[in-house]
């Protein structure tokens, strides 16, 4: 996808998520948190700051697994997924990194909606 297409789809996704939560447009961190909660599969609950950071890490691993950079190792005794990095992620420039993450997030939500 080209950047303008990614940004259009990203904006539409932000609008959709904001309307579902009756809130302002979520940024990348909020989207990563939502994906992390979805991947954890434990439903709405209170998370500590550390757990929120771990949820965003889970989301990043899940998203970058689509590009072959991570593999799911399994779940720990508390049901939290653990990932193994199998390839080095390229050193993207900041704007490239943002576009890649936005694109992966859009694809993730498209796949969720399709299932």
N, C-alpha and C. Protein backbone atom coordinates (compact mmCIF):
# COMPACT_ATOMS: atom_id res chain seq x y z
N UNK A 1 0.85 -1.19 0.00
CA UNK A 1 0.00 0.00 0.00
C UNK A 1 0.88 1.24 0.00
N UNK A 2 0.39 2.26 -0.66
CA UNK A 2 1.12 3.52 -0.67
C UNK A 2 0.69 4.35 0.55
N UNK A 3 1.56 5.26 1.01
CA UNK A 3 1.27 6.03 2.22
C UNK A 3 -0.10 6.72 2.24
N UNK A 4 -0.52 7.31 1.13
CA UNK A 4 -1.80 8.00 1.14
C UNK A 4 -2.96 7.01 1.36
N UNK A 5 -2.84 5.83 0.78
CA UNK A 5 -3.87 4.79 0.97
C UNK A 5 -3.86 4.30 2.43
N UNK A 6 -2.67 4.10 2.98
CA UNK A 6 -2.56 3.68 4.38
C UNK A 6 -3.20 4.72 5.28
N UNK A 7 -2.89 6.00 5.04
CA UNK A 7 -3.44 7.06 5.88
C UNK A 7 -4.96 7.16 5.78
N UNK A 8 -5.52 6.93 4.61
CA UNK A 8 -6.98 6.94 4.45
C UNK A 8 -7.61 5.80 5.24
N UNK A 9 -7.05 4.61 5.11
CA UNK A 9 -7.58 3.46 5.83
C UNK A 9 -7.38 3.62 7.34
N UNK A 10 -6.25 4.18 7.73
CA UNK A 10 -5.96 4.42 9.15
C UNK A 10 -6.99 5.38 9.74
N UNK A 11 -7.25 6.46 9.03
CA UNK A 11 -8.21 7.45 9.50
C UNK A 11 -9.61 6.84 9.64
N UNK A 12 -10.00 6.03 8.67
CA UNK A 12 -11.31 5.37 8.72
C UNK A 12 -11.38 4.41 9.92
N UNK A 13 -10.29 3.69 10.17
CA UNK A 13 -10.24 2.78 11.31
C UNK A 13 -10.34 3.57 12.62
N UNK A 14 -9.61 4.68 12.72
CA UNK A 14 -9.68 5.51 13.92
C UNK A 14 -11.11 5.98 14.17
N UNK A 15 -11.78 6.40 13.13
CA UNK A 15 -13.18 6.86 13.25
C UNK A 15 -14.07 5.73 13.76
N UNK A 16 -13.88 4.55 13.19
CA UNK A 16 -14.70 3.39 13.57
C UNK A 16 -14.48 3.02 15.04
N UNK A 17 -13.23 2.96 15.46
CA UNK A 17 -12.92 2.60 16.84
C UNK A 17 -13.44 3.69 17.78
N UNK A 18 -13.25 4.95 17.43
CA UNK A 18 -13.72 6.06 18.27
C UNK A 18 -15.23 5.99 18.45
N UNK A 19 -15.95 5.65 17.39
CA UNK A 19 -17.42 5.58 17.49
C UNK A 19 -17.86 4.40 18.36
N UNK A 20 -17.11 3.30 18.32
CA UNK A 20 -17.44 2.13 19.14
C UNK A 20 -17.22 2.41 20.62
N UNK A 21 -16.23 3.24 20.93
CA UNK A 21 -15.90 3.53 22.32
C UNK A 21 -16.42 4.90 22.77
N UNK A 22 -17.13 5.59 21.86
CA UNK A 22 -17.67 6.92 22.16
C UNK A 22 -16.56 7.81 22.73
N UNK A 23 -15.48 7.88 21.98
CA UNK A 23 -14.29 8.56 22.47
C UNK A 23 -13.61 9.29 21.33
N UNK A 24 -12.47 9.93 21.64
CA UNK A 24 -11.70 10.60 20.60
C UNK A 24 -10.92 9.57 19.78
N UNK A 25 -10.39 10.02 18.65
CA UNK A 25 -9.64 9.12 17.78
C UNK A 25 -8.44 8.51 18.51
N UNK A 26 -8.31 7.19 18.48
CA UNK A 26 -7.18 6.55 19.16
C UNK A 26 -5.90 6.72 18.36
N UNK A 27 -4.79 6.88 19.09
CA UNK A 27 -3.50 6.95 18.42
C UNK A 27 -2.91 5.53 18.32
N UNK A 28 -1.70 5.44 17.82
CA UNK A 28 -1.07 4.13 17.62
C UNK A 28 -0.95 3.36 18.93
N UNK A 29 -0.58 4.04 20.01
CA UNK A 29 -0.42 3.35 21.30
C UNK A 29 -1.74 2.75 21.78
N UNK A 30 -2.82 3.49 21.62
CA UNK A 30 -4.14 2.96 22.03
C UNK A 30 -4.51 1.76 21.17
N UNK A 31 -4.26 1.85 19.88
CA UNK A 31 -4.56 0.73 18.98
C UNK A 31 -3.74 -0.51 19.37
N UNK A 32 -2.46 -0.30 19.70
CA UNK A 32 -1.62 -1.43 20.12
C UNK A 32 -2.15 -2.03 21.42
N UNK A 33 -2.59 -1.19 22.33
CA UNK A 33 -3.17 -1.68 23.58
C UNK A 33 -4.41 -2.53 23.29
N UNK A 34 -5.30 -2.05 22.42
CA UNK A 34 -6.51 -2.79 22.07
C UNK A 34 -6.18 -4.14 21.45
N UNK A 35 -5.20 -4.16 20.57
CA UNK A 35 -4.78 -5.42 19.94
C UNK A 35 -4.21 -6.36 21.00
N UNK A 36 -3.40 -5.82 21.91
CA UNK A 36 -2.83 -6.63 22.98
C UNK A 36 -3.90 -7.27 23.85
N UNK A 37 -4.92 -6.48 24.21
CA UNK A 37 -6.03 -7.01 25.01
C UNK A 37 -6.76 -8.10 24.23
N UNK A 38 -6.98 -7.86 22.94
CA UNK A 38 -7.65 -8.85 22.09
C UNK A 38 -6.84 -10.15 22.04
N UNK A 39 -5.53 -10.02 21.87
CA UNK A 39 -4.67 -11.20 21.78
C UNK A 39 -4.56 -11.94 23.11
N UNK A 40 -4.63 -11.20 24.22
CA UNK A 40 -4.60 -11.83 25.53
C UNK A 40 -5.87 -12.62 25.76
N UNK A 41 -6.99 -12.08 25.26
CA UNK A 41 -8.26 -12.80 25.30
C UNK A 41 -8.87 -12.93 26.68
N UNK A 42 -8.59 -11.99 27.56
CA UNK A 42 -9.11 -12.08 28.91
C UNK A 42 -10.22 -11.07 29.20
N UNK A 43 -10.70 -10.39 28.19
CA UNK A 43 -11.81 -9.46 28.39
C UNK A 43 -11.41 -8.21 29.13
N UNK A 44 -12.36 -7.32 29.31
CA UNK A 44 -12.06 -6.04 29.96
C UNK A 44 -11.69 -6.24 31.43
N UNK A 45 -10.62 -5.63 31.81
CA UNK A 45 -10.18 -5.65 33.21
C UNK A 45 -9.20 -4.52 33.42
N UNK A 46 -8.83 -4.29 34.65
CA UNK A 46 -7.83 -3.27 34.97
C UNK A 46 -6.44 -3.87 34.78
N UNK A 47 -5.57 -3.09 34.16
CA UNK A 47 -4.20 -3.52 33.95
C UNK A 47 -3.25 -2.52 34.60
N UNK A 48 -2.17 -3.02 35.17
CA UNK A 48 -1.14 -2.15 35.72
C UNK A 48 -0.39 -1.48 34.56
N UNK A 49 0.40 -0.47 34.88
CA UNK A 49 1.18 0.19 33.84
C UNK A 49 2.10 -0.82 33.15
N UNK A 50 2.72 -1.68 33.92
CA UNK A 50 3.61 -2.71 33.37
C UNK A 50 2.84 -3.66 32.44
N UNK A 51 1.65 -4.07 32.86
CA UNK A 51 0.84 -4.96 32.03
C UNK A 51 0.42 -4.26 30.73
N UNK A 52 0.12 -2.97 30.80
CA UNK A 52 -0.23 -2.22 29.59
C UNK A 52 0.94 -2.20 28.61
N UNK A 53 2.14 -2.02 29.15
CA UNK A 53 3.33 -2.04 28.29
C UNK A 53 3.51 -3.43 27.67
N UNK A 54 3.28 -4.47 28.46
CA UNK A 54 3.38 -5.84 27.95
C UNK A 54 2.33 -6.11 26.89
N UNK A 55 1.12 -5.57 27.08
CA UNK A 55 0.06 -5.74 26.08
C UNK A 55 0.46 -5.09 24.75
N UNK A 56 1.08 -3.92 24.81
CA UNK A 56 1.53 -3.26 23.58
C UNK A 56 2.66 -4.06 22.93
N UNK A 57 3.51 -4.68 23.74
CA UNK A 57 4.57 -5.54 23.20
C UNK A 57 3.96 -6.76 22.50
N UNK A 58 2.96 -7.36 23.14
CA UNK A 58 2.24 -8.50 22.54
C UNK A 58 1.69 -8.09 21.17
N UNK A 59 1.08 -6.90 21.12
CA UNK A 59 0.51 -6.41 19.86
C UNK A 59 1.59 -6.24 18.80
N UNK A 60 2.70 -5.62 19.16
CA UNK A 60 3.79 -5.45 18.20
C UNK A 60 4.28 -6.80 17.67
N UNK A 61 4.45 -7.75 18.58
CA UNK A 61 4.90 -9.08 18.15
C UNK A 61 3.88 -9.73 17.22
N UNK A 62 2.61 -9.63 17.57
CA UNK A 62 1.55 -10.21 16.73
C UNK A 62 1.58 -9.57 15.34
N UNK A 63 1.65 -8.24 15.31
CA UNK A 63 1.64 -7.53 14.03
C UNK A 63 2.86 -7.89 13.19
N UNK A 64 4.04 -7.87 13.80
CA UNK A 64 5.27 -8.15 13.05
C UNK A 64 5.45 -9.63 12.75
N UNK A 65 4.65 -10.48 13.40
CA UNK A 65 4.69 -11.90 13.04
C UNK A 65 4.14 -12.10 11.63
N UNK A 66 3.26 -11.21 11.20
CA UNK A 66 2.71 -11.29 9.83
C UNK A 66 3.79 -11.08 8.78
N UNK A 67 4.87 -10.42 9.19
CA UNK A 67 5.99 -10.18 8.26
C UNK A 67 7.13 -11.15 8.51
N UNK A 68 6.90 -12.13 9.40
CA UNK A 68 7.89 -13.16 9.65
C UNK A 68 8.98 -12.80 10.66
N UNK A 69 8.78 -11.73 11.44
CA UNK A 69 9.80 -11.31 12.39
C UNK A 69 9.67 -11.98 13.75
N UNK A 70 8.46 -12.44 14.10
CA UNK A 70 8.22 -13.09 15.39
C UNK A 70 7.43 -14.37 15.19
N UNK A 71 7.64 -15.31 16.12
CA UNK A 71 6.84 -16.53 16.18
C UNK A 71 6.32 -16.68 17.59
N UNK A 72 5.09 -17.16 17.71
CA UNK A 72 4.50 -17.40 19.01
C UNK A 72 5.16 -18.63 19.63
N UNK A 73 5.72 -18.46 20.83
CA UNK A 73 6.33 -19.59 21.53
C UNK A 73 5.30 -20.36 22.33
N UNK A 74 4.32 -19.68 22.83
CA UNK A 74 3.28 -20.31 23.63
C UNK A 74 2.78 -19.36 24.70
N UNK A 75 2.00 -19.91 25.62
CA UNK A 75 1.42 -19.12 26.69
C UNK A 75 2.09 -19.48 28.01
N UNK A 76 2.23 -18.49 28.89
CA UNK A 76 2.77 -18.80 30.22
C UNK A 76 1.64 -19.31 31.12
N UNK A 77 1.96 -19.57 32.39
CA UNK A 77 0.97 -20.15 33.31
C UNK A 77 -0.23 -19.23 33.54
N UNK A 78 -0.07 -17.93 33.28
CA UNK A 78 -1.17 -16.97 33.45
C UNK A 78 -1.94 -16.73 32.15
N UNK A 79 -1.54 -17.44 31.08
CA UNK A 79 -2.23 -17.30 29.81
C UNK A 79 -1.74 -16.16 28.94
N UNK A 80 -0.60 -15.56 29.29
CA UNK A 80 -0.04 -14.48 28.49
C UNK A 80 0.83 -15.07 27.37
N UNK A 81 0.64 -14.61 26.13
CA UNK A 81 1.45 -15.13 25.02
C UNK A 81 2.89 -14.65 25.10
N UNK A 82 3.79 -15.50 24.69
CA UNK A 82 5.22 -15.15 24.61
C UNK A 82 5.70 -15.40 23.19
N UNK A 83 6.43 -14.43 22.69
CA UNK A 83 6.89 -14.46 21.30
C UNK A 83 8.40 -14.54 21.26
N UNK A 84 8.90 -15.11 20.17
CA UNK A 84 10.34 -15.22 19.93
C UNK A 84 10.64 -14.46 18.64
N UNK A 85 11.62 -13.56 18.70
CA UNK A 85 12.03 -12.86 17.48
C UNK A 85 12.88 -13.82 16.65
N UNK A 86 12.49 -13.99 15.38
CA UNK A 86 13.19 -14.93 14.51
C UNK A 86 13.97 -14.25 13.39
N UNK A 87 13.66 -12.98 13.15
CA UNK A 87 14.39 -12.19 12.16
C UNK A 87 14.54 -10.78 12.70
N UNK A 88 15.60 -10.12 12.31
CA UNK A 88 15.83 -8.74 12.73
C UNK A 88 14.91 -7.81 11.94
N UNK A 89 14.24 -6.94 12.68
CA UNK A 89 13.37 -5.95 12.03
C UNK A 89 14.26 -4.88 11.43
N UNK A 90 14.02 -4.51 10.17
CA UNK A 90 14.85 -3.47 9.54
C UNK A 90 14.81 -2.16 10.34
N UNK A 91 15.85 -1.41 10.22
CA UNK A 91 15.94 -0.12 10.88
C UNK A 91 15.19 0.92 10.04
N UNK A 92 13.88 0.96 10.19
CA UNK A 92 13.06 1.88 9.42
C UNK A 92 13.29 3.32 9.88
N UNK A 93 13.21 4.26 8.95
CA UNK A 93 13.15 5.67 9.32
C UNK A 93 11.83 5.87 10.06
N UNK A 94 11.73 6.92 10.86
CA UNK A 94 10.57 7.13 11.70
C UNK A 94 9.26 7.12 10.93
N UNK A 95 9.21 7.82 9.80
CA UNK A 95 7.97 7.85 9.01
C UNK A 95 7.66 6.50 8.40
N UNK A 96 8.69 5.80 7.94
CA UNK A 96 8.49 4.44 7.41
C UNK A 96 7.94 3.52 8.48
N UNK A 97 8.52 3.61 9.67
CA UNK A 97 8.09 2.78 10.80
C UNK A 97 6.61 3.04 11.11
N UNK A 98 6.23 4.30 11.13
CA UNK A 98 4.84 4.66 11.40
C UNK A 98 3.91 4.09 10.33
N UNK A 99 4.32 4.18 9.08
CA UNK A 99 3.48 3.67 7.98
C UNK A 99 3.35 2.15 8.07
N UNK A 100 4.45 1.46 8.38
CA UNK A 100 4.41 0.00 8.49
C UNK A 100 3.46 -0.40 9.61
N UNK A 101 3.59 0.24 10.77
CA UNK A 101 2.74 -0.11 11.91
C UNK A 101 1.28 0.21 11.61
N UNK A 102 1.01 1.38 11.03
CA UNK A 102 -0.38 1.72 10.68
C UNK A 102 -0.96 0.68 9.72
N UNK A 103 -0.17 0.30 8.72
CA UNK A 103 -0.62 -0.67 7.73
C UNK A 103 -0.92 -2.02 8.40
N UNK A 104 -0.03 -2.46 9.30
CA UNK A 104 -0.24 -3.73 9.99
C UNK A 104 -1.47 -3.67 10.90
N UNK A 105 -1.69 -2.53 11.56
CA UNK A 105 -2.86 -2.37 12.42
C UNK A 105 -4.14 -2.42 11.59
N UNK A 106 -4.16 -1.71 10.48
CA UNK A 106 -5.33 -1.71 9.59
C UNK A 106 -5.62 -3.14 9.12
N UNK A 107 -4.57 -3.86 8.70
CA UNK A 107 -4.74 -5.24 8.25
C UNK A 107 -5.27 -6.13 9.37
N UNK A 108 -4.77 -5.93 10.59
CA UNK A 108 -5.21 -6.72 11.74
C UNK A 108 -6.71 -6.55 11.95
N UNK A 109 -7.17 -5.30 11.98
CA UNK A 109 -8.59 -5.05 12.22
C UNK A 109 -9.45 -5.53 11.04
N UNK A 110 -8.92 -5.42 9.83
CA UNK A 110 -9.65 -5.96 8.66
C UNK A 110 -9.83 -7.47 8.80
N UNK A 111 -8.77 -8.16 9.22
CA UNK A 111 -8.85 -9.61 9.41
C UNK A 111 -9.82 -9.98 10.53
N UNK A 112 -9.79 -9.20 11.60
CA UNK A 112 -10.71 -9.46 12.73
C UNK A 112 -12.16 -9.32 12.29
N UNK A 113 -12.40 -8.31 11.47
CA UNK A 113 -13.76 -8.06 10.99
C UNK A 113 -14.21 -9.16 10.03
N UNK A 114 -13.27 -9.70 9.27
CA UNK A 114 -13.60 -10.73 8.28
C UNK A 114 -13.93 -12.08 8.96
N UNK A 115 -13.40 -12.28 10.15
CA UNK A 115 -13.62 -13.56 10.86
C UNK A 115 -14.85 -13.53 11.72
